N, C-alpha and C. Protein backbone atom coordinates (compact mmCIF):
# COMPACT_ATOMS: atom_id res chain seq x y z
N MET A 1 25.75 14.04 -39.21
CA MET A 1 26.07 15.17 -39.93
C MET A 1 26.10 15.05 -41.33
N ALA A 2 26.94 13.69 -41.92
CA ALA A 2 27.09 13.34 -43.11
C ALA A 2 25.61 13.02 -43.90
N ASP A 3 24.80 12.54 -43.05
CA ASP A 3 23.58 12.16 -43.43
C ASP A 3 22.56 13.23 -43.49
N ASN A 4 22.61 14.41 -42.87
CA ASN A 4 21.93 15.61 -43.13
C ASN A 4 22.59 16.35 -44.70
N LEU A 5 23.88 16.34 -44.64
CA LEU A 5 24.52 17.13 -45.74
C LEU A 5 23.98 16.10 -47.15
N ILE A 6 24.31 14.76 -46.92
CA ILE A 6 23.46 14.03 -48.23
C ILE A 6 22.06 14.28 -48.57
N GLU A 7 21.34 14.34 -47.36
CA GLU A 7 19.81 14.81 -47.57
C GLU A 7 19.61 16.03 -48.17
N SER A 8 20.39 16.83 -47.68
CA SER A 8 20.20 18.58 -48.20
C SER A 8 20.54 18.45 -49.70
N PHE A 9 21.95 17.68 -50.04
CA PHE A 9 22.11 17.84 -51.41
C PHE A 9 21.10 17.02 -52.30
N LEU A 10 20.76 15.79 -51.96
CA LEU A 10 20.05 15.03 -52.96
C LEU A 10 18.54 15.26 -53.00
N ILE A 11 17.97 15.64 -51.68
CA ILE A 11 16.56 16.07 -51.52
C ILE A 11 16.45 17.52 -51.56
N GLY A 12 17.07 18.34 -50.72
CA GLY A 12 16.63 19.58 -50.27
C GLY A 12 17.12 20.49 -51.53
N GLN A 13 18.02 20.44 -52.46
CA GLN A 13 18.19 21.18 -53.48
C GLN A 13 17.60 20.81 -54.80
N ASN A 14 16.66 19.81 -54.71
CA ASN A 14 15.93 19.11 -55.76
C ASN A 14 14.35 18.97 -55.63
N GLN A 15 13.89 19.99 -56.16
CA GLN A 15 12.32 19.93 -56.08
C GLN A 15 11.56 18.74 -56.40
N PRO A 16 11.63 18.00 -57.33
CA PRO A 16 10.87 16.73 -57.85
C PRO A 16 11.38 15.67 -56.45
N ALA A 17 12.62 15.57 -56.33
CA ALA A 17 13.17 14.60 -55.26
C ALA A 17 12.22 15.11 -53.90
N SER A 18 12.35 16.27 -53.65
CA SER A 18 11.63 16.86 -52.27
C SER A 18 10.10 16.57 -52.45
N VAL A 19 9.38 16.65 -53.42
CA VAL A 19 8.17 16.21 -53.45
C VAL A 19 7.95 14.80 -53.55
N LEU A 20 8.69 14.06 -53.84
CA LEU A 20 8.54 12.42 -53.84
C LEU A 20 8.73 12.15 -52.71
N LYS A 21 9.61 12.96 -51.61
CA LYS A 21 10.04 12.56 -50.29
C LYS A 21 8.66 12.73 -49.46
N SER A 22 8.04 13.90 -49.85
CA SER A 22 7.07 14.44 -48.86
C SER A 22 5.70 13.36 -49.41
N MET A 23 5.54 12.65 -50.79
CA MET A 23 4.88 11.93 -51.04
C MET A 23 4.91 10.72 -50.34
N LEU A 24 6.24 10.20 -50.17
CA LEU A 24 6.47 8.78 -49.52
C LEU A 24 6.03 8.96 -48.06
N ASP A 25 6.47 10.15 -47.46
CA ASP A 25 5.83 10.35 -46.07
C ASP A 25 4.39 10.49 -45.86
N ALA A 26 3.61 11.30 -47.03
CA ALA A 26 2.04 11.30 -46.80
C ALA A 26 1.75 9.74 -46.94
N GLN A 27 2.22 8.80 -47.87
CA GLN A 27 1.62 7.53 -48.00
C GLN A 27 1.88 6.84 -46.80
N ALA A 28 3.32 6.94 -46.34
CA ALA A 28 3.39 6.17 -44.99
C ALA A 28 2.25 6.57 -43.65
N ALA A 29 2.10 7.88 -43.72
CA ALA A 29 1.02 8.44 -42.76
C ALA A 29 -0.35 7.85 -43.13
N ARG A 30 -0.64 7.98 -44.41
CA ARG A 30 -1.79 7.22 -44.93
C ARG A 30 -2.05 5.67 -44.43
N GLN A 31 -0.89 5.07 -44.76
CA GLN A 31 -0.89 3.64 -44.24
C GLN A 31 -1.49 3.59 -42.66
N ARG A 32 -0.80 4.05 -41.89
CA ARG A 32 -0.76 4.28 -40.46
C ARG A 32 -2.35 4.56 -40.13
N ALA A 33 -2.70 5.57 -40.85
CA ALA A 33 -4.23 5.82 -40.44
C ALA A 33 -5.20 4.54 -40.94
N HIS A 34 -4.84 4.19 -42.15
CA HIS A 34 -5.94 2.95 -42.38
C HIS A 34 -5.79 1.51 -41.58
N THR A 35 -4.39 1.43 -40.86
CA THR A 35 -4.38 0.52 -39.98
C THR A 35 -5.08 0.64 -38.71
N GLN A 36 -4.80 2.25 -38.23
CA GLN A 36 -5.61 2.50 -37.08
C GLN A 36 -7.16 2.39 -37.42
N ASN A 37 -7.55 3.04 -38.34
CA ASN A 37 -8.95 2.77 -38.87
C ASN A 37 -9.55 1.33 -38.63
N ILE A 38 -9.00 0.61 -39.08
CA ILE A 38 -9.45 -0.91 -39.06
C ILE A 38 -9.09 -1.62 -37.75
N ALA A 39 -8.31 -1.16 -37.02
CA ALA A 39 -8.07 -1.67 -35.49
C ALA A 39 -9.08 -1.03 -34.79
N ASN A 40 -9.56 -0.14 -35.02
CA ASN A 40 -10.50 0.65 -34.22
C ASN A 40 -11.97 0.31 -34.70
N ALA A 41 -12.38 -0.26 -36.06
CA ALA A 41 -13.62 -0.35 -36.57
C ALA A 41 -14.65 -0.58 -35.78
N GLU A 42 -14.75 -1.57 -34.63
CA GLU A 42 -15.46 -2.02 -33.73
C GLU A 42 -15.59 -1.03 -32.31
N THR A 43 -14.74 -0.16 -32.35
CA THR A 43 -14.66 0.84 -31.16
C THR A 43 -15.83 1.68 -31.34
N PRO A 44 -16.66 1.69 -30.27
CA PRO A 44 -17.99 2.70 -30.34
C PRO A 44 -17.09 4.23 -30.31
N GLY A 45 -17.89 5.12 -30.98
CA GLY A 45 -17.43 6.73 -30.97
C GLY A 45 -16.24 6.73 -31.45
N TYR A 46 -15.57 5.99 -32.20
CA TYR A 46 -14.47 5.93 -32.73
C TYR A 46 -14.58 7.02 -33.98
N GLU A 47 -13.62 8.09 -34.25
CA GLU A 47 -13.51 8.88 -35.46
C GLU A 47 -12.50 8.46 -36.57
N ARG A 48 -13.05 8.20 -37.65
CA ARG A 48 -12.07 7.64 -38.65
C ARG A 48 -11.04 8.63 -39.19
N VAL A 49 -9.92 8.13 -39.45
CA VAL A 49 -8.91 9.22 -39.67
C VAL A 49 -8.46 9.18 -41.08
N ARG A 50 -8.04 10.22 -41.45
CA ARG A 50 -7.82 10.19 -43.14
C ARG A 50 -6.58 11.16 -43.29
N VAL A 51 -5.92 11.10 -44.50
CA VAL A 51 -4.57 11.98 -44.57
C VAL A 51 -4.88 12.62 -45.72
N GLU A 52 -4.64 13.89 -45.83
CA GLU A 52 -4.65 14.80 -47.03
C GLU A 52 -3.32 15.04 -47.53
N PHE A 53 -3.04 14.72 -48.79
CA PHE A 53 -1.79 15.25 -49.34
C PHE A 53 -1.95 16.02 -50.72
N GLU A 54 -2.55 14.79 -51.62
CA GLU A 54 -2.64 15.48 -52.88
C GLU A 54 -3.59 16.54 -53.23
N GLU A 55 -4.50 16.88 -52.23
CA GLU A 55 -5.45 18.18 -52.26
C GLU A 55 -4.36 19.25 -52.09
N LEU A 56 -3.50 19.03 -50.87
CA LEU A 56 -2.76 19.98 -50.31
C LEU A 56 -1.53 20.45 -51.65
N LEU A 57 -1.07 19.38 -52.31
CA LEU A 57 -0.28 19.53 -53.44
C LEU A 57 -0.78 20.35 -54.54
N ARG A 58 -2.01 19.98 -55.18
CA ARG A 58 -2.76 20.71 -55.88
C ARG A 58 -2.90 22.29 -55.46
N ASP A 59 -3.54 22.38 -54.42
CA ASP A 59 -3.78 23.84 -54.07
C ASP A 59 -2.19 24.55 -53.93
N ARG A 60 -1.35 23.99 -53.45
CA ARG A 60 0.08 24.68 -53.73
C ARG A 60 0.41 25.11 -55.11
N LEU A 61 0.11 23.97 -56.03
CA LEU A 61 0.58 24.11 -57.50
C LEU A 61 -0.24 25.19 -57.99
N ASN A 62 -1.54 25.30 -57.71
CA ASN A 62 -2.71 26.23 -58.34
C ASN A 62 -2.43 27.33 -57.62
N GLY A 63 -2.01 27.84 -56.61
CA GLY A 63 -1.91 29.10 -55.56
C GLY A 63 -1.22 30.05 -56.48
N ASP A 64 -1.65 30.94 -56.01
CA ASP A 64 -0.81 32.52 -56.48
C ASP A 64 0.08 33.02 -55.37
N ASP A 65 0.38 32.17 -54.25
CA ASP A 65 1.14 32.71 -53.19
C ASP A 65 2.64 32.49 -53.18
N GLN A 66 3.18 32.30 -54.47
CA GLN A 66 4.50 31.94 -54.79
C GLN A 66 5.48 32.70 -54.06
N LYS A 67 6.61 32.70 -53.47
CA LYS A 67 7.44 33.54 -53.25
C LYS A 67 8.24 34.26 -54.36
N LEU A 68 8.47 33.73 -55.31
CA LEU A 68 9.08 34.25 -56.58
C LEU A 68 8.37 34.03 -57.66
N ALA A 69 8.34 35.05 -58.38
CA ALA A 69 7.49 34.82 -59.84
C ALA A 69 8.38 34.70 -60.88
N GLN A 70 7.87 34.03 -62.04
CA GLN A 70 8.60 33.62 -63.17
C GLN A 70 8.12 34.56 -64.22
N THR A 71 8.75 35.64 -64.42
CA THR A 71 8.30 36.57 -65.48
C THR A 71 8.57 36.51 -67.02
N ASP A 72 9.35 35.35 -67.03
CA ASP A 72 9.69 34.89 -68.56
C ASP A 72 9.78 33.51 -68.45
N GLN A 73 9.54 33.04 -69.81
CA GLN A 73 9.43 31.58 -69.66
C GLN A 73 10.73 30.93 -69.80
N ARG A 74 11.80 31.66 -70.12
CA ARG A 74 13.16 31.36 -69.87
C ARG A 74 13.74 31.18 -68.68
N HIS A 75 13.13 31.89 -67.84
CA HIS A 75 13.48 31.80 -66.30
C HIS A 75 13.63 30.41 -65.70
N ILE A 76 14.25 30.49 -64.77
CA ILE A 76 14.16 28.77 -63.79
C ILE A 76 13.14 29.14 -63.04
N PRO A 77 12.29 28.06 -62.93
CA PRO A 77 11.08 28.18 -62.16
C PRO A 77 11.36 28.36 -60.92
N PRO A 78 10.69 29.14 -59.90
CA PRO A 78 11.00 29.12 -58.33
C PRO A 78 11.03 27.75 -58.00
N ALA A 79 11.98 27.35 -57.19
CA ALA A 79 12.45 26.20 -56.42
C ALA A 79 11.53 26.19 -54.93
N ASN A 80 11.09 27.12 -54.54
CA ASN A 80 10.74 27.20 -53.11
C ASN A 80 9.33 27.28 -52.86
N ASP A 81 8.43 27.00 -54.09
CA ASP A 81 7.16 27.23 -54.32
C ASP A 81 6.34 25.93 -53.41
N LEU A 82 7.09 24.71 -53.34
CA LEU A 82 6.65 23.45 -52.88
C LEU A 82 7.55 23.27 -51.41
N GLU A 83 8.06 24.25 -50.97
CA GLU A 83 9.02 23.98 -49.72
C GLU A 83 8.05 23.71 -48.58
N GLY A 84 8.35 22.73 -47.84
CA GLY A 84 7.76 22.47 -46.41
C GLY A 84 6.34 21.88 -46.41
N LEU A 85 6.28 21.29 -47.80
CA LEU A 85 4.61 20.46 -48.21
C LEU A 85 4.39 19.34 -46.99
N LYS A 86 3.83 19.36 -46.44
CA LYS A 86 3.65 18.01 -45.36
C LYS A 86 2.23 17.37 -45.62
N ALA A 87 2.07 16.40 -45.30
CA ALA A 87 0.45 15.63 -45.29
C ALA A 87 -0.14 16.30 -44.19
N LYS A 88 -1.42 16.37 -44.02
CA LYS A 88 -2.29 16.76 -43.07
C LYS A 88 -3.08 15.56 -42.45
N THR A 89 -3.09 15.24 -41.12
CA THR A 89 -4.26 14.29 -40.83
C THR A 89 -5.33 14.95 -40.03
N VAL A 90 -6.43 14.27 -40.77
CA VAL A 90 -7.87 14.95 -40.29
C VAL A 90 -8.90 13.90 -39.71
N ARG A 91 -9.37 13.95 -38.52
CA ARG A 91 -10.53 13.25 -38.11
C ARG A 91 -11.81 13.54 -38.58
N GLU A 92 -12.63 12.55 -39.29
CA GLU A 92 -13.82 12.50 -39.77
C GLU A 92 -14.98 12.53 -38.55
N PRO A 93 -15.93 13.48 -38.62
CA PRO A 93 -16.70 13.19 -37.66
C PRO A 93 -17.71 11.86 -38.08
N ILE A 94 -18.36 10.96 -37.03
CA ILE A 94 -19.23 9.93 -37.13
C ILE A 94 -20.37 10.38 -37.90
N PRO A 95 -20.69 9.79 -39.08
CA PRO A 95 -21.72 10.27 -40.13
C PRO A 95 -23.11 9.96 -39.14
N ASP A 96 -24.10 10.64 -39.35
CA ASP A 96 -25.38 10.42 -38.94
C ASP A 96 -26.30 9.07 -39.38
N ASP A 97 -25.83 8.73 -40.31
CA ASP A 97 -26.30 7.42 -41.08
C ASP A 97 -25.37 6.42 -41.07
N ILE A 98 -24.82 5.90 -39.93
CA ILE A 98 -23.89 4.87 -39.80
C ILE A 98 -24.43 3.64 -40.19
N THR A 99 -23.35 2.72 -40.52
CA THR A 99 -23.91 1.40 -40.84
C THR A 99 -23.37 0.35 -39.76
N GLY A 100 -22.30 0.62 -39.03
CA GLY A 100 -21.82 0.11 -38.20
C GLY A 100 -21.82 0.67 -36.70
N VAL A 101 -20.60 0.20 -36.18
CA VAL A 101 -20.39 0.92 -34.85
C VAL A 101 -20.01 2.40 -34.91
N ASN A 102 -19.26 2.68 -35.85
CA ASN A 102 -18.61 4.11 -35.91
C ASN A 102 -18.41 4.72 -37.28
N GLY A 103 -19.09 3.77 -38.55
CA GLY A 103 -19.01 4.38 -39.77
C GLY A 103 -17.59 3.88 -40.35
N VAL A 104 -16.72 3.23 -39.82
CA VAL A 104 -15.43 2.71 -40.55
C VAL A 104 -16.11 1.45 -41.27
N ASN A 105 -15.69 1.48 -42.71
CA ASN A 105 -15.97 0.34 -43.61
C ASN A 105 -14.61 -0.44 -43.75
N ILE A 106 -14.62 -1.52 -43.29
CA ILE A 106 -13.22 -2.38 -43.55
C ILE A 106 -13.06 -2.68 -44.94
N GLU A 107 -13.86 -3.05 -45.79
CA GLU A 107 -13.61 -3.06 -47.08
C GLU A 107 -13.19 -2.07 -47.80
N GLU A 108 -13.68 -0.66 -47.47
CA GLU A 108 -13.13 0.39 -48.20
C GLU A 108 -11.75 0.79 -47.62
N GLU A 109 -11.47 0.42 -46.33
CA GLU A 109 -10.07 0.70 -45.83
C GLU A 109 -9.35 -0.20 -46.44
N MET A 110 -9.45 -1.45 -46.82
CA MET A 110 -8.61 -2.42 -47.24
C MET A 110 -8.42 -1.89 -48.69
N ALA A 111 -9.39 -1.76 -49.56
CA ALA A 111 -9.22 -1.04 -50.86
C ALA A 111 -8.31 0.13 -50.69
N GLU A 112 -8.53 1.07 -49.93
CA GLU A 112 -7.68 2.20 -49.97
C GLU A 112 -6.37 1.92 -49.63
N MET A 113 -5.96 1.01 -48.79
CA MET A 113 -4.55 0.34 -48.25
C MET A 113 -3.80 0.20 -49.51
N ALA A 114 -4.58 -0.70 -50.28
CA ALA A 114 -3.98 -1.12 -51.47
C ALA A 114 -3.56 -0.13 -52.36
N GLU A 115 -4.70 1.02 -52.82
CA GLU A 115 -4.10 2.14 -53.58
C GLU A 115 -2.97 2.80 -52.89
N THR A 116 -2.94 3.04 -51.69
CA THR A 116 -1.73 3.54 -50.87
C THR A 116 -0.56 2.87 -51.23
N GLN A 117 -0.58 1.62 -51.14
CA GLN A 117 0.61 0.78 -51.32
C GLN A 117 1.19 1.09 -52.87
N LEU A 118 0.13 0.99 -53.76
CA LEU A 118 0.87 1.19 -55.08
C LEU A 118 1.47 2.62 -55.34
N ARG A 119 0.63 3.79 -54.69
CA ARG A 119 1.15 4.79 -54.80
C ARG A 119 2.39 4.99 -54.22
N TYR A 120 2.84 4.42 -53.08
CA TYR A 120 4.13 4.40 -52.30
C TYR A 120 5.05 3.78 -53.27
N LEU A 121 4.63 2.47 -53.73
CA LEU A 121 5.91 1.66 -54.64
C LEU A 121 6.07 2.68 -56.09
N THR A 122 4.98 3.62 -56.52
CA THR A 122 5.28 4.28 -57.76
C THR A 122 6.28 5.21 -57.54
N ALA A 123 5.89 6.05 -56.09
CA ALA A 123 7.16 7.05 -55.73
C ALA A 123 8.49 6.57 -55.73
N ILE A 124 8.47 5.41 -54.96
CA ILE A 124 9.91 4.72 -54.83
C ILE A 124 10.46 4.58 -56.11
N GLU A 125 9.73 3.95 -56.92
CA GLU A 125 10.29 3.62 -58.39
C GLU A 125 10.84 5.00 -59.22
N LEU A 126 10.00 6.18 -58.91
CA LEU A 126 10.39 7.25 -59.81
C LEU A 126 11.60 7.88 -58.90
N LEU A 127 11.72 7.93 -57.67
CA LEU A 127 12.82 8.50 -56.97
C LEU A 127 14.26 7.49 -57.24
N ARG A 128 13.87 6.25 -57.24
CA ARG A 128 15.16 5.22 -57.84
C ARG A 128 15.54 5.65 -59.33
N ARG A 129 14.91 5.87 -60.19
CA ARG A 129 14.94 6.31 -61.55
C ARG A 129 15.83 7.73 -61.49
N ARG A 130 15.28 8.49 -60.78
CA ARG A 130 15.95 9.72 -60.65
C ARG A 130 17.44 9.77 -60.21
N TYR A 131 17.72 8.82 -59.13
CA TYR A 131 19.05 8.73 -58.70
C TYR A 131 19.70 7.86 -59.36
N THR A 132 19.34 6.89 -59.92
CA THR A 132 20.00 6.15 -61.24
C THR A 132 20.52 6.99 -62.22
N GLY A 133 19.64 8.02 -62.53
CA GLY A 133 20.17 8.95 -63.65
C GLY A 133 21.13 10.24 -63.29
N MET A 134 21.12 10.08 -61.88
CA MET A 134 22.13 11.05 -61.51
C MET A 134 23.50 10.36 -61.49
N LYS A 135 23.24 9.16 -61.03
CA LYS A 135 24.52 8.29 -61.07
C LYS A 135 25.19 8.08 -62.17
N GLU A 136 24.30 7.90 -63.42
CA GLU A 136 24.83 7.64 -64.67
C GLU A 136 25.37 8.85 -65.13
N ALA A 137 24.88 9.98 -64.84
CA ALA A 137 25.24 11.30 -65.01
C ALA A 137 26.80 11.62 -64.45
N ILE A 138 27.04 11.03 -63.25
CA ILE A 138 28.25 11.46 -62.55
C ILE A 138 29.19 10.72 -63.27
N THR A 139 28.94 9.35 -63.31
CA THR A 139 30.23 8.23 -63.44
C THR A 139 30.20 8.35 -65.04
N GLY A 140 29.26 8.74 -65.79
CA GLY A 140 29.42 8.52 -67.20
C GLY A 140 28.80 7.46 -67.78
N GLN A 141 28.47 6.46 -67.23
CA GLN A 141 28.20 5.15 -67.56
C GLN A 141 26.25 5.16 -67.80
N VAL A 142 26.13 5.08 -69.11
CA VAL A 142 24.74 5.13 -69.63
C VAL A 142 24.47 3.53 -70.01
N ARG A 143 23.09 2.99 -69.47
CA ARG A 143 22.81 1.83 -69.87
C ARG A 143 22.30 1.51 -71.35
């Protein structure tokens, strides 16, 4: 119960932290997808798996389907426009011009895994800095 209360306070009420948490979840899902693709690179008929997140975030940020409108620049922006944002796992059909057994390219998967790891580490660092700033504000200790 205390964990849910803390998560609700630290993440649920804080849109940037909520987006960073969604990004961390997406990068973890993406790492699992890359691992699955590499493990099945020689499996005939296997369809490559990929995770979409940045596209969904971009669409949500550019969309006009916001629940609340900000009618004046002095208003606080709506906090619920990114609520419930989750990554989406998609299976790609096997291309017609495959070079291997099923179109999974191990070198590309490994390169994308490295990029995913960097994105994950970046999100962790941003979240750490955010909480460090909150801690400093609460305790009154500034570095």
